Amino acid sequence: MKTAVIETNFAGLPLRQRGKVRDIYDLGDNLLMIATDRISAFDVVMPDPVPDKGKVLTQISLFWFDAMKDMVANHILSSNVDVYPEACIPYADDLRGRSMLVKKASPLPVECVVRGYLSGSGWKSYRQTRTLCGIRLPDGLVESDRLPEPIFTPSTKAEMGLHDENIDFEQTVKLIGRPLAEQVKALSLAIYRKGVEIADSKGIIIADTKFEFGLLNNELILIDEVLTPDSSRFWPKATYQPGGSQESFDKQFVRDYLLSIQWDQKPPAPRLPEYVIEGTRKKYLEALDLLAGPGYAVN
């Protein structure tokens, strides 16, 4: 199996943050974001990486940032390692294909989740209360049903190892103010709808997703990653059948394995079998190929 990048340690570059997947270095006015091959499930980082995963995430994000640029500005400066600052040159081979040089923005303290289908924690909430983040849903829905229309269901941003918590819109207003809350809600729904339309033409259903926004010079911009298999549920359109869980192009393959062994979803995470690692890798690569085509291939 190909060698995976579990973490980076670049001498001379100040490490700002090591997240669940990304290593972020501070370059003054800008940031260097590297998508490693770490994979998390239930907000816990697994001990085994998935080779090429970071490259897939980066290439899919670049595809979507470009597709959405007329709708919302983003933080991308370049993904071409050859024009990165001189301090990055010694690490060019490690950075190629899995990194982005981005503007430094102030992230909003909410995850902007949009759901078009009933799955995951949304399905769990619906079964208990027929509501989701304070939104009343119709009776009689089944798991993986398409919702009458996409809904904005924000959540908190938890520290690594802790779980994000769903919040309602008024709680979002308390966190960031009503004008900004209204703006991110409208933008999130618009980006999701455009993404759904594009993905549908490629044979992929985007069941739900989460966006991150930041402020740069008082302008709201799209940051982090966009409509990737890490931040979204991708289902094959050809096999979609409401009434249960779906085949997927995302890390649901890992989640299903972890559920099958009845892991308590608390650190430390169990080791992943080889077939789960390789199966997940193939699903990520297939998603990239379907969505973006050869122009965004992983080398």
Protein backbone atom coordinates (compact mmCIF):
# COMPACT_ATOMS: atom_id res chain seq x y z
CA MET A 1 0.00 0.00 0.00
CA LYS A 2 1.14 3.56 -0.66
CA THR A 3 2.89 5.49 2.07
CA ALA A 4 0.55 7.77 4.00
CA VAL A 5 1.25 11.20 5.48
CA ILE A 6 0.20 10.96 9.12
CA GLU A 7 1.56 14.32 10.22
CA THR A 8 4.00 16.98 9.10
CA ASN A 9 6.84 18.56 11.03
CA PHE A 10 8.44 21.32 8.98
CA ALA A 11 11.45 22.90 10.65
CA GLY A 12 11.46 26.66 10.22
CA LEU A 13 7.70 26.89 9.69
CA PRO A 14 5.67 27.76 12.83
CA LEU A 15 2.97 25.17 13.46
CA ARG A 16 -0.23 27.04 14.30
CA GLN A 17 -2.60 24.13 14.73
CA ARG A 18 -2.85 20.38 14.24
CA GLY A 19 -6.50 19.49 13.68
CA LYS A 20 -8.21 16.18 13.08
CA VAL A 21 -6.97 16.12 9.49
CA ARG A 22 -5.11 19.34 8.71
CA ASP A 23 -1.76 20.68 9.84
CA ILE A 24 -1.73 24.48 9.63
CA TYR A 25 1.41 26.62 9.59
CA ASP A 26 1.51 30.36 10.24
CA LEU A 27 3.24 32.35 7.48
CA GLY A 28 2.47 35.81 8.80
CA ASP A 29 -0.40 37.29 6.80
CA ASN A 30 -1.18 33.88 5.31
CA LEU A 31 -1.55 30.27 6.36
CA LEU A 32 -0.23 27.04 4.87
CA MET A 33 -2.85 24.29 5.14
CA ILE A 34 -1.82 20.68 4.63
CA ALA A 35 -4.40 17.91 4.42
CA THR A 36 -2.80 14.81 5.93
CA ASP A 37 -4.09 11.27 5.51
CA ARG A 38 -5.48 11.14 9.04
CA ILE A 39 -9.11 10.14 9.27
CA SER A 40 -11.56 10.79 12.08
CA ALA A 41 -14.90 9.25 12.93
CA PHE A 42 -17.32 10.35 15.63
CA ASP A 43 -14.91 13.25 16.24
CA VAL A 44 -12.03 10.92 17.18
CA VAL A 45 -8.87 10.54 15.06
CA MET A 46 -8.20 6.96 14.06
CA PRO A 47 -4.73 5.45 14.65
CA ASP A 48 -4.50 4.33 11.01
CA PRO A 49 -4.36 6.80 8.10
CA VAL A 50 -5.89 6.37 4.64
CA PRO A 51 -3.24 6.88 1.91
CA ASP A 52 -4.02 9.63 -0.64
CA LYS A 53 -6.97 10.89 1.41
CA GLY A 54 -5.42 14.31 2.00
CA LYS A 55 -4.75 14.78 -1.71
CA VAL A 56 -8.34 13.84 -2.54
CA LEU A 57 -9.71 16.31 0.02
CA THR A 58 -7.52 19.10 -1.34
CA GLN A 59 -8.36 18.46 -4.99
CA ILE A 60 -12.12 18.20 -4.34
CA SER A 61 -12.04 21.39 -2.28
CA LEU A 62 -10.16 23.23 -5.05
CA PHE A 63 -12.79 22.05 -7.55
CA TRP A 64 -15.63 23.40 -5.41
CA PHE A 65 -13.89 26.64 -4.41
CA ASP A 66 -13.53 27.36 -8.13
CA ALA A 67 -17.14 26.37 -8.86
CA MET A 68 -18.48 28.66 -6.12
CA LYS A 69 -16.16 31.66 -6.62
CA ASP A 70 -18.84 33.74 -8.35
CA MET A 71 -21.17 33.16 -5.41
CA VAL A 72 -18.80 33.75 -2.49
CA ALA A 73 -15.16 34.77 -2.07
CA ASN A 74 -12.79 32.23 -0.52
CA HIS A 75 -9.43 32.10 1.21
CA ILE A 76 -7.40 30.45 -1.56
CA LEU A 77 -4.23 32.21 -2.71
CA SER A 78 -2.58 29.28 -4.49
CA SER A 79 -2.22 25.51 -4.52
CA ASN A 80 0.85 25.68 -6.77
CA VAL A 81 3.77 24.71 -4.56
CA ASP A 82 6.21 26.32 -7.01
CA VAL A 83 4.97 29.81 -6.07
CA TYR A 84 4.82 29.25 -2.31
CA PRO A 85 7.10 31.33 -0.06
CA GLU A 86 10.77 30.40 -0.08
CA ALA A 87 10.56 28.82 3.40
CA CYS A 88 8.28 26.13 1.94
CA ILE A 89 10.63 25.05 -0.85
CA PRO A 90 12.46 22.32 1.15
CA TYR A 91 9.09 20.61 1.71
CA ALA A 92 7.75 20.89 -1.84
CA ASP A 93 7.43 17.13 -2.36
CA ASP A 94 5.41 16.73 0.83
CA LEU A 95 3.19 19.71 -0.01
CA ARG A 96 2.43 18.97 -3.64
CA GLY A 97 -1.19 18.01 -4.23
CA ARG A 98 -2.25 18.21 -0.59
CA SER A 99 -1.68 21.82 0.42
CA MET A 100 -3.13 25.29 -0.05
CA LEU A 101 -1.68 28.71 0.65
CA VAL A 102 -4.60 30.69 2.06
CA LYS A 103 -5.49 34.10 3.45
CA LYS A 104 -5.67 34.35 7.21
CA ALA A 105 -9.30 34.92 8.22
CA SER A 106 -11.13 34.92 11.57
CA PRO A 107 -13.26 31.72 11.60
CA LEU A 108 -16.85 31.96 12.79
CA PRO A 109 -17.56 29.84 15.90
CA VAL A 110 -20.28 27.77 14.19
CA GLU A 111 -20.36 24.87 11.77
CA CYS A 112 -22.79 25.76 8.99
CA VAL A 113 -24.53 22.45 8.33
CA VAL A 114 -27.05 21.96 5.52
CA ARG A 115 -29.14 18.81 5.22
CA GLY A 116 -31.08 17.75 2.17
CA TYR A 117 -31.71 14.20 3.33
CA LEU A 118 -32.47 12.58 6.69
CA SER A 119 -29.40 10.72 7.91
CA GLY A 120 -26.93 10.44 10.77
CA SER A 121 -27.64 12.61 13.81
CA GLY A 122 -30.50 14.21 11.86
CA TRP A 123 -32.28 10.86 11.57
CA LYS A 124 -31.66 10.18 15.25
CA SER A 125 -33.13 13.55 16.26
CA TYR A 126 -36.14 13.07 13.97
CA ARG A 127 -36.97 9.68 15.47
CA GLN A 128 -36.95 11.19 18.96
CA THR A 129 -38.77 14.50 18.45
CA ARG A 130 -39.79 14.87 14.77
CA THR A 131 -37.60 17.99 14.84
CA LEU A 132 -34.05 18.90 13.90
CA CYS A 133 -32.29 21.94 15.36
CA GLY A 134 -35.68 23.37 16.31
CA ILE A 135 -37.15 22.80 12.83
CA ARG A 136 -40.36 20.75 12.73
CA LEU A 137 -40.26 18.06 10.02
CA PRO A 138 -43.18 16.19 8.43
CA ASP A 139 -44.42 12.96 9.98
CA GLY A 140 -43.80 9.67 8.19
CA LEU A 141 -40.24 10.21 6.98
CA VAL A 142 -37.87 7.24 6.83
CA GLU A 143 -34.10 7.05 7.10
CA SER A 144 -32.34 8.65 4.10
CA ASP A 145 -35.55 10.31 2.86
CA ARG A 146 -35.11 13.47 0.85
CA LEU A 147 -36.40 16.44 2.84
CA PRO A 148 -39.08 18.70 1.32
CA GLU A 149 -36.36 21.34 1.01
CA PRO A 150 -32.79 21.70 2.32
CA ILE A 151 -32.56 22.97 5.90
CA PHE A 152 -29.87 24.90 7.76
CA THR A 153 -28.94 23.01 10.95
CA PRO A 154 -25.88 24.68 12.54
CA SER A 155 -23.71 23.18 15.25
CA THR A 156 -21.07 24.27 17.71
CA LYS A 157 -17.38 23.76 17.02
CA ALA A 158 -16.06 21.31 19.58
CA GLU A 159 -12.46 20.90 20.65
CA MET A 160 -10.70 17.86 19.18
CA GLY A 161 -11.99 14.66 20.79
CA LEU A 162 -15.30 16.24 21.79
CA HIS A 163 -18.54 16.13 19.80
CA ASP A 164 -20.09 19.06 17.96
CA GLU A 165 -23.57 19.85 19.26
CA ASN A 166 -26.54 20.79 17.11
CA ILE A 167 -27.96 24.22 17.89
CA ASP A 168 -30.99 26.09 16.60
CA PHE A 169 -30.89 29.29 14.57
CA GLU A 170 -31.54 31.57 17.55
CA GLN A 171 -28.52 30.12 19.33
CA THR A 172 -26.51 30.90 16.20
CA VAL A 173 -27.79 34.48 16.40
CA LYS A 174 -26.54 34.71 19.99
CA LEU A 175 -23.10 33.52 18.89
CA ILE A 176 -22.52 35.73 15.84
CA GLY A 177 -25.38 38.26 15.67
CA ARG A 178 -28.51 38.21 13.52
CA PRO A 179 -27.21 39.91 10.34
CA LEU A 180 -24.24 37.54 10.06
CA ALA A 181 -26.37 34.52 11.01
CA GLU A 182 -28.87 35.37 8.28
CA GLN A 183 -26.05 35.82 5.80
CA VAL A 184 -24.34 32.49 6.50
CA LYS A 185 -27.68 30.68 6.46
CA ALA A 186 -28.59 32.07 3.04
CA LEU A 187 -25.09 31.44 1.64
CA SER A 188 -24.90 27.91 3.04
CA LEU A 189 -28.22 26.97 1.46
CA ALA A 190 -27.26 28.56 -1.86
CA ILE A 191 -23.87 26.83 -2.03
CA TYR A 192 -25.44 23.50 -1.09
CA ARG A 193 -28.12 23.81 -3.79
CA LYS A 194 -25.54 24.60 -6.46
CA GLY A 195 -23.33 21.74 -5.25
CA VAL A 196 -26.27 19.33 -5.32
CA GLU A 197 -27.07 20.30 -8.90
CA ILE A 198 -23.48 19.81 -10.08
CA ALA A 199 -23.01 16.53 -8.18
CA ASP A 200 -26.34 15.17 -9.40
CA SER A 201 -25.15 15.54 -12.99
CA LYS A 202 -22.13 13.39 -12.04
CA GLY A 203 -24.21 10.64 -10.40
CA ILE A 204 -23.63 11.71 -6.78
CA ILE A 205 -26.19 12.70 -4.15
CA ILE A 206 -24.88 15.13 -1.54
CA ALA A 207 -27.08 14.21 1.40
CA ASP A 208 -25.68 16.79 3.80
CA THR A 209 -22.60 18.88 4.34
CA LYS A 210 -20.99 21.48 6.55
CA PHE A 211 -19.31 24.72 5.59
CA GLU A 212 -16.95 26.99 7.46
CA PHE A 213 -16.88 30.75 6.99
CA GLY A 214 -14.49 33.39 8.22
CA LEU A 215 -14.23 37.16 8.24
CA LEU A 216 -11.45 38.94 6.38
CA ASN A 217 -11.52 42.75 6.45
CA ASN A 218 -15.16 42.48 7.52
CA GLU A 219 -15.98 40.41 4.42
CA LEU A 220 -17.54 36.94 4.83
CA ILE A 221 -15.50 34.34 2.94
CA LEU A 222 -15.59 30.57 2.54
CA ILE A 223 -12.70 28.78 4.26
CA ASP A 224 -11.35 25.33 5.22
CA GLU A 225 -12.78 22.64 2.90
CA VAL A 226 -15.87 22.49 0.69
CA LEU A 227 -18.20 19.59 -0.13
CA THR A 228 -15.62 16.85 0.46
CA PRO A 229 -16.19 13.25 1.60
CA ASP A 230 -14.97 14.39 5.05
CA SER A 231 -17.45 17.24 5.39
CA SER A 232 -20.37 15.66 3.52
CA ARG A 233 -22.33 12.50 2.92
CA PHE A 234 -21.90 11.41 -0.70
CA TRP A 235 -24.24 8.68 -1.97
CA PRO A 236 -24.28 7.00 -5.40
CA LYS A 237 -27.39 8.22 -7.21
CA ALA A 238 -27.80 4.89 -8.99
CA THR A 239 -28.32 2.85 -5.81
CA TYR A 240 -30.22 5.40 -3.70
CA GLN A 241 -33.18 3.83 -1.90
CA PRO A 242 -34.76 5.54 1.14
CA GLY A 243 -35.65 3.41 4.16
CA GLY A 244 -32.17 2.60 5.47
CA SER A 245 -28.51 3.52 5.31
CA GLN A 246 -26.97 4.10 1.87
CA GLU A 247 -23.86 3.09 0.02
CA SER A 248 -21.45 5.97 0.18
CA PHE A 249 -18.31 7.57 -1.22
CA ASP A 250 -17.37 8.99 2.17
CA LYS A 251 -16.06 7.84 5.55
CA GLN A 252 -19.35 6.12 6.36
CA PHE A 253 -17.43 2.97 5.43
CA VAL A 254 -15.25 3.58 8.51
CA ARG A 255 -18.22 4.56 10.70
CA ASP A 256 -20.08 1.36 9.75
CA TYR A 257 -17.08 -0.76 10.73
CA LEU A 258 -16.76 1.03 14.08
CA LEU A 259 -20.47 0.59 14.77
CA SER A 260 -20.21 -3.12 13.90
CA ILE A 261 -17.57 -3.67 16.63
CA GLN A 262 -19.61 -1.60 19.13
CA TRP A 263 -16.82 0.86 19.88
CA ASP A 264 -17.90 3.38 22.54
CA GLN A 265 -16.84 6.35 20.35
CA LYS A 266 -14.32 7.57 22.91
CA PRO A 267 -10.51 7.70 22.64
CA PRO A 268 -8.49 5.66 22.13
CA ALA A 269 -9.88 4.58 18.77
CA PRO A 270 -9.40 0.98 17.61
CA ARG A 271 -7.07 -0.04 14.78
CA LEU A 272 -8.67 -0.26 11.35
CA PRO A 273 -8.38 -3.48 9.33
CA GLU A 274 -6.58 -3.30 5.98
CA TYR A 275 -9.80 -3.88 4.02
CA VAL A 276 -11.45 -0.88 5.70
CA ILE A 277 -8.45 1.36 4.95
CA GLU A 278 -8.16 0.30 1.31
CA GLY A 279 -11.94 0.33 0.78
CA THR A 280 -12.15 3.88 2.13
CA ARG A 281 -9.24 4.99 -0.06
CA LYS A 282 -10.96 3.63 -3.16
CA LYS A 283 -14.23 5.38 -2.29
CA TYR A 284 -12.48 8.74 -1.87
CA LEU A 285 -10.62 8.35 -5.17
CA GLU A 286 -13.83 7.36 -6.95
CA ALA A 287 -15.60 10.44 -5.61
CA LEU A 288 -12.81 12.70 -6.91
CA ASP A 289 -12.84 11.04 -10.33
CA LEU A 290 -16.63 11.32 -10.70
CA LEU A 291 -16.85 14.90 -9.48
CA ALA A 292 -13.82 16.66 -10.80
CA GLY A 293 -12.44 14.43 -13.54
CA PRO A 294 -8.81 14.04 -14.69
CA GLY A 295 -7.95 17.72 -14.25
CA TYR A 296 -7.88 17.15 -10.49
CA ALA A 297 -6.27 13.71 -10.47
CA VAL A 298 -4.18 12.46 -7.54
CA ASN A 299 -0.59 11.71 -8.54
